[in-house]
Amino acid sequence: MSPDLTVDVDAGVAVLTLNRPERLNAYTAEMGALLSSAYAECDRDDDVRAIVVTGAGRAFCAGADFSGDTSPFDAPAAEFSASPITPAAFELRKPVIAPLNGHAIGIGLTIALQADLRIVAEDAKYGVVQVRRGVIPDCMSHWTLAQLTTLGVAADILLTGRTFGGAEAVALGIANRAMPAERVLDHAVELARDIAVNVAPMSAALCKRLLWDTAINNYTPRQVAALETRLHQRVMGGADAREGVAAFLERRPPSFTSRLSREWSEPPRP
């Protein structure tokens, strides 16, 4: 796509790499536009079954780029958005895994908070530091953090702007697991490839949409139960359900045939 963002699709996994390692992948408006386009394209592409978004070099993203002639925090233009990545990762129909191979600060972390899973480097630094720069957190982080953790944890992270390490990120519920930096990307790709091979695309899409819709719309347990029933009715008895059972009984990898490009319809609402 561009030197600032590389896209590699292989065996059902799209690896999107923020690629300004000499600037610790500091965020620019162009990078945001490229990531948005890559997300949308991956969501349309039936050959992509899972998405990995990572950073080149020793950081995931060190925050906004202050190296230009003007500050990214100057008075905003009329078209300014505090959530420049659209669609957000949680709005995609494919699972999105963010291996944070190094530091993720400010918008670097708030972008990753929109992913479904986060794998972090044990010795890296993470933080939503915007209040220490005279602005406020972005990329819907007032919502994503409260969903991933608790209101108290979100207040701690957002209102102090403090940084923390990988182990604390896991303890707080911000990350799914922490490991040495050199293992983070490989682990995420391995997980994505397992999804690409063993998870039915329609099942993943419906499951993910219901999960995030439940959070967004604050569904009650009984509303979720009703929606689960309706979505089960959509897939039960279908080709992928038959193939999933057959592959399990025959102890072989499944060959799912559902294609979101031609079969997807939005799940019902309560």
Protein backbone atom coordinates (compact mmCIF):
# COMPACT_ATOMS: atom_id res chain seq x y z
CA MET A 1 0.00 0.00 0.00
CA SER A 2 2.68 2.48 1.10
CA PRO A 3 6.06 2.38 2.79
CA ASP A 4 4.33 3.62 5.97
CA LEU A 5 2.06 0.55 6.12
CA THR A 6 2.85 -2.84 4.65
CA VAL A 7 0.28 -5.56 4.01
CA ASP A 8 1.18 -9.23 3.69
CA VAL A 9 -1.54 -11.83 3.14
CA ASP A 10 -0.56 -15.47 3.47
CA ALA A 11 -2.53 -18.61 4.30
CA GLY A 12 -5.61 -16.67 5.34
CA VAL A 13 -3.80 -14.20 7.58
CA ALA A 14 -3.27 -10.53 6.75
CA VAL A 15 -0.35 -8.95 8.62
CA LEU A 16 -0.59 -5.15 8.63
CA THR A 17 2.64 -3.50 9.76
CA LEU A 18 3.05 0.11 10.81
CA ASN A 19 6.32 0.78 9.04
CA ARG A 20 8.17 3.87 10.25
CA PRO A 21 10.68 2.12 12.49
CA GLU A 22 13.12 5.03 12.39
CA ARG A 23 10.40 7.11 14.12
CA LEU A 24 9.22 4.23 16.35
CA ASN A 25 6.18 4.08 14.04
CA ALA A 26 4.95 7.46 15.27
CA TYR A 27 1.41 8.05 14.08
CA THR A 28 0.59 10.34 11.16
CA ALA A 29 -2.70 11.14 9.44
CA GLU A 30 -1.46 9.27 6.37
CA MET A 31 -0.76 6.18 8.46
CA GLY A 32 -4.28 6.36 9.87
CA ALA A 33 -5.79 6.60 6.41
CA LEU A 34 -3.71 3.67 5.20
CA LEU A 35 -4.69 1.53 8.17
CA SER A 36 -8.36 2.39 7.64
CA SER A 37 -8.14 1.37 3.96
CA ALA A 38 -6.31 -1.85 4.80
CA TYR A 39 -8.92 -2.78 7.41
CA ALA A 40 -11.75 -2.22 4.93
CA GLU A 41 -10.02 -4.20 2.18
CA CYS A 42 -9.26 -7.12 4.49
CA ASP A 43 -12.88 -7.16 5.63
CA ARG A 44 -14.02 -7.46 2.00
CA ASP A 45 -11.49 -10.14 1.05
CA ASP A 46 -12.76 -13.70 1.58
CA ASP A 47 -9.18 -14.95 1.47
CA VAL A 48 -8.46 -13.07 4.70
CA ARG A 49 -9.72 -15.02 7.69
CA ALA A 50 -7.84 -13.18 10.47
CA ILE A 51 -5.94 -9.89 10.75
CA VAL A 52 -2.74 -9.11 12.63
CA VAL A 53 -1.72 -5.48 13.15
CA THR A 54 1.79 -4.85 14.44
CA GLY A 55 4.74 -2.47 14.21
CA ALA A 56 8.11 -2.69 12.50
CA GLY A 57 11.26 -2.54 14.57
CA ARG A 58 11.33 -2.11 18.34
CA ALA A 59 8.01 -0.32 18.90
CA PHE A 60 4.38 -0.79 18.01
CA CYS A 61 3.64 2.94 17.86
CA ALA A 62 5.21 5.61 20.05
CA GLY A 63 2.27 7.99 19.71
CA ALA A 64 1.60 11.05 17.58
CA ASP A 65 4.42 12.26 15.33
CA PHE A 66 5.80 15.61 16.54
CA SER A 67 8.64 15.76 14.01
CA GLY A 68 6.87 17.98 11.45
CA ASP A 69 6.69 21.74 11.20
CA THR A 70 3.28 21.80 12.86
CA SER A 71 2.11 19.98 15.97
CA PRO A 72 -0.58 17.33 15.59
CA PHE A 73 -2.18 19.02 18.59
CA ASP A 74 -2.59 22.42 16.90
CA ALA A 75 -6.12 23.80 16.55
CA PRO A 76 -8.06 21.18 14.57
CA ALA A 77 -9.38 21.63 11.08
CA ALA A 78 -13.11 21.35 10.49
CA GLU A 79 -12.75 17.76 9.28
CA PHE A 80 -10.81 16.64 12.39
CA SER A 81 -11.92 13.40 14.07
CA ALA A 82 -10.64 12.02 17.36
CA SER A 83 -11.35 8.55 15.94
CA PRO A 84 -9.50 8.58 12.62
CA ILE A 85 -9.35 4.82 12.14
CA THR A 86 -12.57 3.85 10.40
CA PRO A 87 -13.76 1.20 10.37
CA ALA A 88 -12.47 0.46 13.85
CA ALA A 89 -11.01 -2.99 14.35
CA PHE A 90 -14.00 -4.10 16.41
CA GLU A 91 -16.32 -3.16 13.52
CA LEU A 92 -14.67 -5.67 11.17
CA ARG A 93 -16.08 -9.16 10.67
CA LYS A 94 -12.68 -10.85 10.95
CA PRO A 95 -10.83 -11.41 14.25
CA VAL A 96 -8.15 -8.74 14.77
CA ILE A 97 -5.07 -9.52 16.86
CA ALA A 98 -2.65 -6.77 17.91
CA PRO A 99 0.82 -8.05 18.84
CA LEU A 100 2.39 -5.03 20.54
CA ASN A 101 5.99 -5.86 19.80
CA GLY A 102 7.26 -2.84 21.75
CA HIS A 103 6.16 0.47 23.19
CA ALA A 104 2.57 1.56 22.46
CA ILE A 105 1.93 5.06 23.74
CA GLY A 106 -0.99 7.45 23.26
CA ILE A 107 -2.79 6.77 20.00
CA GLY A 108 -0.49 3.79 19.55
CA LEU A 109 -2.26 2.07 22.43
CA THR A 110 -5.74 3.43 21.77
CA ILE A 111 -5.64 1.97 18.24
CA ALA A 112 -4.68 -1.41 19.70
CA LEU A 113 -7.48 -1.23 22.27
CA GLN A 114 -9.93 -1.57 19.37
CA ALA A 115 -8.57 -5.01 18.44
CA ASP A 116 -10.13 -8.23 19.68
CA LEU A 117 -6.94 -9.60 21.24
CA ARG A 118 -3.70 -7.97 22.39
CA ILE A 119 -0.37 -9.71 22.93
CA VAL A 120 2.18 -7.45 24.63
CA ALA A 121 5.93 -7.42 25.16
CA GLU A 122 6.88 -7.92 28.78
CA ASP A 123 9.52 -5.19 28.90
CA ALA A 124 7.78 -2.52 26.79
CA LYS A 125 5.93 0.56 28.01
CA TYR A 126 2.24 1.19 27.44
CA GLY A 127 0.07 4.15 28.28
CA VAL A 128 -2.72 6.49 27.21
CA VAL A 129 -0.78 9.67 27.94
CA GLN A 130 -2.83 12.33 26.18
CA VAL A 131 -3.86 14.18 29.35
CA ARG A 132 -0.14 14.79 29.97
CA ARG A 133 0.09 16.48 26.56
CA GLY A 134 -2.80 18.87 27.14
CA VAL A 135 -5.39 16.99 25.10
CA ILE A 136 -7.66 14.00 25.85
CA PRO A 137 -7.63 10.28 24.94
CA ASP A 138 -8.88 9.28 21.50
CA CYS A 139 -10.00 6.36 19.33
CA MET A 140 -13.00 5.68 21.59
CA SER A 141 -10.67 4.72 24.45
CA HIS A 142 -13.07 6.13 27.05
CA TRP A 143 -15.35 3.28 25.94
CA THR A 144 -12.92 0.50 24.93
CA LEU A 145 -10.94 0.65 28.17
CA ALA A 146 -14.07 0.58 30.30
CA GLN A 147 -15.30 -2.45 28.32
CA LEU A 148 -12.01 -4.34 28.54
CA THR A 149 -11.43 -3.61 32.20
CA THR A 150 -13.52 -1.70 34.75
CA LEU A 151 -14.50 1.93 35.17
CA GLY A 152 -11.96 2.21 37.97
CA VAL A 153 -9.10 0.81 35.87
CA ALA A 154 -10.10 3.01 32.93
CA ALA A 155 -10.08 6.06 35.21
CA ASP A 156 -6.64 5.12 36.52
CA ILE A 157 -5.18 4.78 33.02
CA LEU A 158 -6.95 7.70 31.32
CA LEU A 159 -6.90 10.31 34.08
CA THR A 160 -3.29 9.80 35.19
CA GLY A 161 -1.74 9.21 31.77
CA ARG A 162 0.79 6.95 33.47
CA THR A 163 2.77 4.23 31.71
CA PHE A 164 2.93 0.57 32.70
CA GLY A 165 4.59 -2.63 31.57
CA GLY A 166 3.36 -5.76 29.86
CA ALA A 167 2.70 -7.79 33.01
CA GLU A 168 0.55 -5.03 34.48
CA ALA A 169 -1.33 -4.70 31.18
CA VAL A 170 -2.34 -8.35 31.51
CA ALA A 171 -3.18 -8.02 35.21
CA LEU A 172 -5.44 -5.04 34.46
CA GLY A 173 -7.21 -6.86 31.61
CA ILE A 174 -5.83 -4.56 28.91
CA ALA A 175 -3.84 -7.38 27.27
CA ASN A 176 -4.53 -11.09 26.90
CA ARG A 177 -0.96 -12.23 27.51
CA ALA A 178 2.59 -10.93 27.84
CA MET A 179 5.79 -12.54 26.60
CA PRO A 180 9.31 -11.61 25.49
CA ALA A 181 9.23 -9.03 22.70
CA GLU A 182 10.87 -11.34 20.16
CA ARG A 183 8.02 -13.87 20.52
CA VAL A 184 5.04 -11.51 20.35
CA LEU A 185 4.54 -11.38 16.57
CA ASP A 186 5.16 -15.08 15.97
CA HIS A 187 2.67 -15.99 18.68
CA ALA A 188 0.03 -13.69 17.21
CA VAL A 189 0.52 -15.05 13.69
CA GLU A 190 0.33 -18.61 14.99
CA LEU A 191 -2.95 -17.77 16.71
CA ALA A 192 -4.28 -16.08 13.57
CA ARG A 193 -3.34 -19.08 11.43
CA ASP A 194 -5.14 -21.40 13.81
CA ILE A 195 -8.26 -19.23 13.41
CA ALA A 196 -7.82 -19.15 9.63
CA VAL A 197 -7.72 -22.95 9.44
CA ASN A 198 -10.06 -24.10 12.18
CA VAL A 199 -12.74 -21.40 12.63
CA ALA A 200 -15.66 -21.05 10.21
CA PRO A 201 -15.65 -17.51 8.74
CA MET A 202 -19.37 -16.95 9.23
CA SER A 203 -19.25 -18.29 12.77
CA ALA A 204 -16.39 -15.94 13.62
CA ALA A 205 -18.15 -12.97 12.04
CA LEU A 206 -21.46 -13.57 13.79
CA CYS A 207 -19.80 -14.31 17.12
CA LYS A 208 -17.66 -11.18 16.95
CA ARG A 209 -20.55 -8.95 15.91
CA LEU A 210 -22.77 -10.22 18.72
CA LEU A 211 -19.98 -9.82 21.26
CA TRP A 212 -19.28 -6.20 20.38
CA ASP A 213 -22.92 -5.32 19.76
CA THR A 214 -23.70 -6.58 23.25
CA ALA A 215 -21.10 -4.21 24.67
CA ILE A 216 -22.13 -1.26 22.52
CA ASN A 217 -25.88 -1.64 23.10
CA ASN A 218 -25.74 -2.97 26.67
CA TYR A 219 -27.94 -5.95 25.85
CA THR A 220 -29.45 -7.85 28.76
CA PRO A 221 -28.63 -11.54 29.24
CA ARG A 222 -32.08 -12.53 27.94
CA GLN A 223 -31.66 -10.33 24.87
CA VAL A 224 -28.33 -12.06 24.19
CA ALA A 225 -29.99 -15.45 24.66
CA ALA A 226 -32.63 -14.57 22.07
CA LEU A 227 -30.03 -13.33 19.60
CA GLU A 228 -27.84 -16.41 20.12
CA THR A 229 -30.86 -18.56 19.29
CA ARG A 230 -31.62 -16.63 16.10
CA LEU A 231 -27.99 -16.75 14.98
CA HIS A 232 -27.77 -20.45 15.75
CA GLN A 233 -30.78 -20.93 13.51
CA ARG A 234 -28.90 -19.13 10.76
CA VAL A 235 -25.92 -21.52 10.79
CA MET A 236 -27.22 -24.81 12.18
CA GLY A 237 -27.68 -27.42 9.46
CA GLY A 238 -25.59 -25.39 7.04
CA ALA A 239 -22.59 -26.56 5.05
CA ASP A 240 -20.05 -25.26 7.55
CA ALA A 241 -21.84 -26.86 10.50
CA ARG A 242 -21.86 -30.21 8.68
CA GLU A 243 -18.21 -29.81 7.70
CA GLY A 244 -17.14 -28.79 11.21
CA VAL A 245 -18.65 -31.93 12.72
CA ALA A 246 -17.33 -34.19 9.96
CA ALA A 247 -13.80 -32.80 10.29
CA PHE A 248 -13.91 -33.28 14.06
CA LEU A 249 -15.09 -36.89 13.78
CA GLU A 250 -12.58 -37.67 11.02
CA ARG A 251 -9.76 -35.93 12.88
CA ARG A 252 -8.78 -33.68 9.98
CA PRO A 253 -8.65 -29.93 9.37
CA PRO A 254 -12.01 -28.54 8.24
CA SER A 255 -12.65 -27.06 4.80
CA PHE A 256 -15.22 -24.33 5.38
CA THR A 257 -16.97 -22.89 2.35
CA SER A 258 -18.96 -19.92 3.68
CA ARG A 259 -18.06 -16.59 2.05
CA LEU A 260 -18.89 -13.35 3.78
CA SER A 261 -18.82 -11.46 0.48
CA ARG A 262 -21.93 -13.23 -0.77
CA GLU A 263 -23.66 -14.64 2.33
CA TRP A 264 -23.37 -11.95 5.01
CA SER A 265 -26.36 -10.11 6.39
CA GLU A 266 -26.34 -8.00 9.50
CA PRO A 267 -27.43 -9.84 12.66
CA PRO A 268 -30.83 -8.93 14.07
CA ARG A 269 -31.30 -6.53 16.97
CA PRO A 270 -33.53 -7.24 19.98
